[in-house]
PDB file of all heavy atoms in Angstrom:
ATOM      1  N   LEU A   1     107.210  87.202  69.196  1.00  0.00           N
ATOM      2  CA  LEU A   1     107.128  85.992  70.019  1.00  0.00           C
ATOM      3  C   LEU A   1     108.168  86.009  71.121  1.00  0.00           C
ATOM      4  O   LEU A   1     107.849  85.789  72.307  1.00  0.00           O
ATOM      5  CB  LEU A   1     107.316  84.756  69.140  1.00  0.00           C
ATOM      6  CG  LEU A   1     107.515  83.426  69.889  1.00  0.00           C
ATOM      7  CD1 LEU A   1     106.270  83.060  70.694  1.00  0.00           C
ATOM      8  CD2 LEU A   1     107.879  82.316  68.908  1.00  0.00           C
ATOM      9  N   PHE A   2     109.423  86.290  70.768  1.00  0.00           N
ATOM     10  CA  PHE A   2     110.488  86.241  71.766  1.00  0.00           C
ATOM     11  C   PHE A   2     110.416  87.407  72.749  1.00  0.00           C
ATOM     12  O   PHE A   2     110.771  87.252  73.921  1.00  0.00           O
ATOM     13  CB  PHE A   2     111.854  86.200  71.061  1.00  0.00           C
ATOM     14  CG  PHE A   2     112.112  84.907  70.342  1.00  0.00           C
ATOM     15  CD1 PHE A   2     112.175  84.859  68.963  1.00  0.00           C
ATOM     16  CD2 PHE A   2     112.269  83.721  71.055  1.00  0.00           C
ATOM     17  CE1 PHE A   2     112.406  83.664  68.303  1.00  0.00           C
ATOM     18  CE2 PHE A   2     112.491  82.520  70.409  1.00  0.00           C
ATOM     19  CZ  PHE A   2     112.561  82.490  69.024  1.00  0.00           C
ATOM     20  N   ARG A   3     109.938  88.553  72.305  1.00  0.00           N
ATOM     21  CA  ARG A   3     109.753  89.668  73.236  1.00  0.00           C
ATOM     22  C   ARG A   3     108.646  89.342  74.236  1.00  0.00           C
ATOM     23  O   ARG A   3     108.742  89.678  75.421  1.00  0.00           O
ATOM     24  CB  ARG A   3     109.419  90.959  72.469  1.00  0.00           C
ATOM     25  CG  ARG A   3     110.568  91.524  71.687  1.00  0.00           C
ATOM     26  CD  ARG A   3     110.300  92.947  71.226  1.00  0.00           C
ATOM     27  NE  ARG A   3     109.185  93.051  70.289  1.00  0.00           N
ATOM     28  CZ  ARG A   3     109.305  92.917  68.970  1.00  0.00           C
ATOM     29  NH1 ARG A   3     110.483  92.655  68.434  1.00  0.00           N
ATOM     30  NH2 ARG A   3     108.248  93.056  68.174  1.00  0.00           N
ATOM     31  N   THR A   4     107.615  88.683  73.764  1.00  0.00           N
ATOM     32  CA  THR A   4     106.503  88.320  74.648  1.00  0.00           C
ATOM     33  C   THR A   4     106.923  87.276  75.677  1.00  0.00           C
ATOM     34  O   THR A   4     106.579  87.388  76.864  1.00  0.00           O
ATOM     35  CB  THR A   4     105.319  87.784  73.824  1.00  0.00           C
ATOM     36  OG1 THR A   4     104.904  88.788  72.887  1.00  0.00           O
ATOM     37  CG2 THR A   4     104.143  87.433  74.727  1.00  0.00           C
ATOM     38  N   THR A   5     107.677  86.272  75.249  1.00  0.00           N
ATOM     39  CA  THR A   5     108.122  85.250  76.207  1.00  0.00           C
ATOM     40  C   THR A   5     109.095  85.840  77.223  1.00  0.00           C
ATOM     41  O   THR A   5     109.072  85.454  78.400  1.00  0.00           O
ATOM     42  CB  THR A   5     108.771  84.061  75.477  1.00  0.00           C
ATOM     43  OG1 THR A   5     109.826  84.526  74.620  1.00  0.00           O
ATOM     44  CG2 THR A   5     107.741  83.313  74.639  1.00  0.00           C
ATOM     45  N   ASP A   6     109.918  86.786  76.795  1.00  0.00           N
ATOM     46  CA  ASP A   6     110.807  87.456  77.750  1.00  0.00           C
ATOM     47  C   ASP A   6     110.006  88.241  78.785  1.00  0.00           C
ATOM     48  O   ASP A   6     110.338  88.259  79.975  1.00  0.00           O
ATOM     49  CB  ASP A   6     111.756  88.408  77.019  1.00  0.00           C
ATOM     50  CG  ASP A   6     112.904  87.689  76.336  1.00  0.00           C
ATOM     51  OD1 ASP A   6     113.091  86.487  76.608  1.00  0.00           O
ATOM     52  OD2 ASP A   6     113.606  88.327  75.520  1.00  0.00           O
ATOM     53  N   LEU A   7     108.958  88.910  78.320  1.00  0.00           N
ATOM     54  CA  LEU A   7     108.106  89.667  79.238  1.00  0.00           C
ATOM     55  C   LEU A   7     107.445  88.738  80.250  1.00  0.00           C
ATOM     56  O   LEU A   7     107.429  89.022  81.460  1.00  0.00           O
ATOM     57  CB  LEU A   7     107.034  90.420  78.455  1.00  0.00           C
ATOM     58  CG  LEU A   7     105.996  91.188  79.274  1.00  0.00           C
ATOM     59  CD1 LEU A   7     106.660  92.267  80.131  1.00  0.00           C
ATOM     60  CD2 LEU A   7     104.937  91.800  78.365  1.00  0.00           C
ATOM     61  N   PHE A   8     106.916  87.618  79.784  1.00  0.00           N
ATOM     62  CA  PHE A   8     106.288  86.657  80.690  1.00  0.00           C
ATOM     63  C   PHE A   8     107.305  86.079  81.667  1.00  0.00           C
ATOM     64  O   PHE A   8     107.022  85.957  82.871  1.00  0.00           O
ATOM     65  CB  PHE A   8     105.634  85.530  79.887  1.00  0.00           C
ATOM     66  CG  PHE A   8     104.337  85.902  79.246  1.00  0.00           C
ATOM     67  CD1 PHE A   8     103.797  85.136  78.228  1.00  0.00           C
ATOM     68  CD2 PHE A   8     103.636  87.033  79.639  1.00  0.00           C
ATOM     69  CE1 PHE A   8     102.593  85.478  77.625  1.00  0.00           C
ATOM     70  CE2 PHE A   8     102.435  87.389  79.054  1.00  0.00           C
ATOM     71  CZ  PHE A   8     101.911  86.608  78.036  1.00  0.00           C
ATOM     72  N   ALA A   9     108.491  85.718  81.171  1.00  0.00           N
ATOM     73  CA  ALA A   9     109.518  85.143  82.042  1.00  0.00           C
ATOM     74  C   ALA A   9     109.899  86.120  83.147  1.00  0.00           C
ATOM     75  O   ALA A   9     109.971  85.762  84.331  1.00  0.00           O
ATOM     76  CB  ALA A   9     110.744  84.758  81.224  1.00  0.00           C
ATOM     77  N   GLY A  10     110.142  87.361  82.763  1.00  0.00           N
ATOM     78  CA  GLY A  10     110.510  88.367  83.759  1.00  0.00           C
ATOM     79  C   GLY A  10     109.416  88.608  84.778  1.00  0.00           C
ATOM     80  O   GLY A  10     109.676  88.703  85.981  1.00  0.00           O
ATOM     81  N   THR A  11     108.187  88.679  84.301  1.00  0.00           N
ATOM     82  CA  THR A  11     107.054  88.932  85.202  1.00  0.00           C
ATOM     83  C   THR A  11     106.848  87.765  86.166  1.00  0.00           C
ATOM     84  O   THR A  11     106.579  87.979  87.366  1.00  0.00           O
ATOM     85  CB  THR A  11     105.776  89.166  84.384  1.00  0.00           C
ATOM     86  OG1 THR A  11     105.983  90.272  83.492  1.00  0.00           O
ATOM     87  CG2 THR A  11     104.601  89.474  85.300  1.00  0.00           C
ATOM     88  N   LEU A  12     106.979  86.544  85.685  1.00  0.00           N
ATOM     89  CA  LEU A  12     106.803  85.366  86.544  1.00  0.00           C
ATOM     90  C   LEU A  12     107.876  85.303  87.630  1.00  0.00           C
ATOM     91  O   LEU A  12     107.575  85.045  88.807  1.00  0.00           O
ATOM     92  CB  LEU A  12     106.839  84.100  85.689  1.00  0.00           C
ATOM     93  CG  LEU A  12     105.605  83.853  84.806  1.00  0.00           C
ATOM     94  CD1 LEU A  12     105.915  82.805  83.748  1.00  0.00           C
ATOM     95  CD2 LEU A  12     104.415  83.413  85.658  1.00  0.00           C
ATOM     96  N   VAL A  13     109.122  85.542  87.244  1.00  0.00           N
ATOM     97  CA  VAL A  13     110.205  85.498  88.231  1.00  0.00           C
ATOM     98  C   VAL A  13     110.086  86.669  89.202  1.00  0.00           C
ATOM     99  O   VAL A  13     110.333  86.520  90.407  1.00  0.00           O
ATOM    100  CB  VAL A  13     111.581  85.493  87.535  1.00  0.00           C
ATOM    101  CG1 VAL A  13     112.710  85.578  88.569  1.00  0.00           C
ATOM    102  CG2 VAL A  13     111.744  84.231  86.692  1.00  0.00           C
ATOM    103  N   TRP A  14     109.704  87.830  88.699  1.00  0.00           N
ATOM    104  CA  TRP A  14     109.470  88.991  89.578  1.00  0.00           C
ATOM    105  C   TRP A  14     108.411  88.656  90.624  1.00  0.00           C
ATOM    106  O   TRP A  14     108.588  88.934  91.818  1.00  0.00           O
ATOM    107  CB  TRP A  14     109.018  90.176  88.735  1.00  0.00           C
ATOM    108  CG  TRP A  14     108.486  91.324  89.549  1.00  0.00           C
ATOM    109  CD1 TRP A  14     109.214  92.305  90.157  1.00  0.00           C
ATOM    110  CD2 TRP A  14     107.103  91.591  89.852  1.00  0.00           C
ATOM    111  NE1 TRP A  14     108.363  93.174  90.823  1.00  0.00           N
ATOM    112  CE2 TRP A  14     107.075  92.757  90.655  1.00  0.00           C
ATOM    113  CE3 TRP A  14     105.907  90.966  89.528  1.00  0.00           C
ATOM    114  CZ2 TRP A  14     105.883  93.305  91.135  1.00  0.00           C
ATOM    115  CZ3 TRP A  14     104.713  91.502  90.001  1.00  0.00           C
ATOM    116  CH2 TRP A  14     104.711  92.659  90.789  1.00  0.00           C
ATOM    117  N   ALA A  15     107.311  88.064  90.182  1.00  0.00           N
ATOM    118  CA  ALA A  15     106.238  87.713  91.109  1.00  0.00           C
ATOM    119  C   ALA A  15     106.698  86.673  92.122  1.00  0.00           C
ATOM    120  O   ALA A  15     106.358  86.749  93.319  1.00  0.00           O
ATOM    121  CB  ALA A  15     105.026  87.191  90.332  1.00  0.00           C
ATOM    122  N   ALA A  16     107.498  85.714  91.675  1.00  0.00           N
ATOM    123  CA  ALA A  16     108.014  84.678  92.585  1.00  0.00           C
ATOM    124  C   ALA A  16     108.916  85.298  93.645  1.00  0.00           C
ATOM    125  O   ALA A  16     108.798  84.994  94.839  1.00  0.00           O
ATOM    126  CB  ALA A  16     108.771  83.619  91.794  1.00  0.00           C
ATOM    127  N   GLY A  17     109.827  86.158  93.224  1.00  0.00           N
ATOM    128  CA  GLY A  17     110.735  86.792  94.173  1.00  0.00           C
ATOM    129  C   GLY A  17     110.007  87.688  95.158  1.00  0.00           C
ATOM    130  O   GLY A  17     110.326  87.706  96.356  1.00  0.00           O
ATOM    131  N   LEU A  18     109.019  88.431  94.664  1.00  0.00           N
ATOM    132  CA  LEU A  18     108.263  89.325  95.539  1.00  0.00           C
ATOM    133  C   LEU A  18     107.448  88.527  96.563  1.00  0.00           C
ATOM    134  O   LEU A  18     107.438  88.847  97.758  1.00  0.00           O
ATOM    135  CB  LEU A  18     107.340  90.215  94.704  1.00  0.00           C
ATOM    136  CG  LEU A  18     106.556  91.270  95.471  1.00  0.00           C
ATOM    137  CD1 LEU A  18     107.500  92.266  96.144  1.00  0.00           C
ATOM    138  CD2 LEU A  18     105.599  92.009  94.534  1.00  0.00           C
ATOM    139  N   LEU A  19     106.759  87.491  96.089  1.00  0.00           N
ATOM    140  CA  LEU A  19     105.957  86.670  96.995  1.00  0.00           C
ATOM    141  C   LEU A  19     106.841  85.990  98.039  1.00  0.00           C
ATOM    142  O   LEU A  19     106.492  85.939  99.225  1.00  0.00           O
ATOM    143  CB  LEU A  19     105.183  85.618  96.192  1.00  0.00           C
ATOM    144  CG  LEU A  19     104.280  84.671  96.998  1.00  0.00           C
ATOM    145  CD1 LEU A  19     103.225  85.456  97.767  1.00  0.00           C
ATOM    146  CD2 LEU A  19     103.627  83.653  96.068  1.00  0.00           C
ATOM    147  N   ALA A  20     107.988  85.492  97.600  1.00  0.00           N
ATOM    148  CA  ALA A  20     108.895  84.825  98.541  1.00  0.00           C
ATOM    149  C   ALA A  20     109.425  85.802  99.584  1.00  0.00           C
ATOM    150  O   ALA A  20     109.511  85.472 100.775  1.00  0.00           O
ATOM    151  CB  ALA A  20     110.060  84.191  97.778  1.00  0.00           C
ATOM    152  N   SER A  21     109.770  87.001  99.160  1.00  0.00           N
ATOM    153  CA  SER A  21     110.318  87.983 100.108  1.00  0.00           C
ATOM    154  C   SER A  21     109.272  88.445 101.113  1.00  0.00           C
ATOM    155  O   SER A  21     109.609  88.831 102.239  1.00  0.00           O
ATOM    156  CB  SER A  21     110.890  89.186  99.349  1.00  0.00           C
ATOM    157  OG  SER A  21     109.867  89.863  98.638  1.00  0.00           O
ATOM    158  N   LEU A  22     108.000  88.389 100.725  1.00  0.00           N
ATOM    159  CA  LEU A  22     106.933  88.836 101.613  1.00  0.00           C
ATOM    160  C   LEU A  22     106.357  87.725 102.480  1.00  0.00           C
ATOM    161  O   LEU A  22     105.933  87.964 103.610  1.00  0.00           O
ATOM    162  CB  LEU A  22     105.802  89.468 100.793  1.00  0.00           C
ATOM    163  CG  LEU A  22     106.124  90.764 100.043  1.00  0.00           C
ATOM    164  CD1 LEU A  22     104.931  91.187  99.203  1.00  0.00           C
ATOM    165  CD2 LEU A  22     106.527  91.864 101.011  1.00  0.00           C
ATOM    166  N   ARG A  23     106.319  86.478 101.964  1.00  0.00           N
ATOM    167  CA  ARG A  23     105.584  85.412 102.635  1.00  0.00           C
ATOM    168  C   ARG A  23     106.438  84.273 103.175  1.00  0.00           C
ATOM    169  O   ARG A  23     106.001  83.552 104.073  1.00  0.00           O
ATOM    170  CB  ARG A  23     104.546  84.826 101.666  1.00  0.00           C
ATOM    171  CG  ARG A  23     103.504  85.826 101.196  1.00  0.00           C
ATOM    172  CD  ARG A  23     102.645  86.347 102.343  1.00  0.00           C
ATOM    173  NE  ARG A  23     101.942  85.259 102.999  1.00  0.00           N
ATOM    174  CZ  ARG A  23     100.777  84.770 102.597  1.00  0.00           C
ATOM    175  NH1 ARG A  23     100.180  85.279 101.522  1.00  0.00           N
ATOM    176  NH2 ARG A  23     100.198  83.787 103.250  1.00  0.00           N
ATOM    177  N   LEU A  24     107.644  84.087 102.645  1.00  0.00           N
ATOM    178  CA  LEU A  24     108.469  82.974 103.108  1.00  0.00           C
ATOM    179  C   LEU A  24     109.443  83.438 104.186  1.00  0.00           C
ATOM    180  O   LEU A  24     109.839  84.602 104.210  1.00  0.00           O
ATOM    181  CB  LEU A  24     109.249  82.354 101.941  1.00  0.00           C
ATOM    182  CG  LEU A  24     108.420  81.730 100.813  1.00  0.00           C
ATOM    183  CD1 LEU A  24     109.338  81.012  99.833  1.00  0.00           C
ATOM    184  CD2 LEU A  24     107.364  80.782 101.348  1.00  0.00           C
ATOM    185  N   PRO A  25     109.845  82.533 105.091  1.00  0.00           N
ATOM    186  CA  PRO A  25     110.804  82.906 106.127  1.00  0.00           C
ATOM    187  C   PRO A  25     112.118  83.379 105.520  1.00  0.00           C
ATOM    188  O   PRO A  25     112.566  82.852 104.505  1.00  0.00           O
ATOM    189  CB  PRO A  25     111.008  81.592 106.906  1.00  0.00           C
ATOM    190  CG  PRO A  25     109.814  80.768 106.593  1.00  0.00           C
ATOM    191  CD  PRO A  25     109.408  81.127 105.211  1.00  0.00           C
ATOM    192  N   SER A  26     112.716  84.373 106.128  1.00  0.00           N
ATOM    193  CA  SER A  26     114.018  84.873 105.698  1.00  0.00           C
ATOM    194  C   SER A  26     114.971  84.810 106.878  1.00  0.00           C
ATOM    195  O   SER A  26     115.074  85.761 107.659  1.00  0.00           O
ATOM    196  CB  SER A  26     113.899  86.314 105.183  1.00  0.00           C
ATOM    197  OG  SER A  26     113.097  86.364 104.030  1.00  0.00           O
ATOM    198  N   PRO A  27     115.668  83.677 107.038  1.00  0.00           N
ATOM    199  CA  PRO A  27     116.474  83.468 108.233  1.00  0.00           C
ATOM    200  C   PRO A  27     117.749  84.298 108.317  1.00  0.00           C
ATOM    201  O   PRO A  27     118.428  84.284 109.327  1.00  0.00           O
ATOM    202  CB  PRO A  27     116.815  81.977 108.148  1.00  0.00           C
ATOM    203  CG  PRO A  27     116.773  81.671 106.696  1.00  0.00           C
ATOM    204  CD  PRO A  27     115.680  82.524 106.134  1.00  0.00           C
ATOM    205  N   GLY A  28     118.108  84.995 107.280  1.00  0.00           N
ATOM    206  CA  GLY A  28     119.332  85.776 107.341  1.00  0.00           C
ATOM    207  C   GLY A  28     119.443  86.723 106.165  1.00  0.00           C
ATOM    208  O   GLY A  28     118.605  86.754 105.260  1.00  0.00           O
ATOM    209  N   ARG A  29     120.498  87.502 106.176  1.00  0.00           N
ATOM    210  CA  ARG A  29     120.667  88.530 105.148  1.00  0.00           C
ATOM    211  C   ARG A  29     120.854  87.936 103.758  1.00  0.00           C
ATOM    212  O   ARG A  29     120.447  88.535 102.761  1.00  0.00           O
ATOM    213  CB  ARG A  29     121.851  89.425 105.506  1.00  0.00           C
ATOM    214  CG  ARG A  29     123.198  88.730 105.488  1.00  0.00           C
ATOM    215  CD  ARG A  29     124.297  89.630 106.014  1.00  0.00           C
ATOM    216  NE  ARG A  29     124.102  89.935 107.413  1.00  0.00           N
ATOM    217  CZ  ARG A  29     124.998  90.591 108.151  1.00  0.00           C
ATOM    218  NH1 ARG A  29     126.133  91.001 107.592  1.00  0.00           N
ATOM    219  NH2 ARG A  29     124.766  90.837 109.425  1.00  0.00           N
TER     220      ARG A  29
END
């Protein structure tokens, strides 16, 4: 159970960070 929730948590945050870096404005470094 806990390994599965960790996998989901990591995947969700990974997807959020990737989508944000590709689609949201990045005004600075």
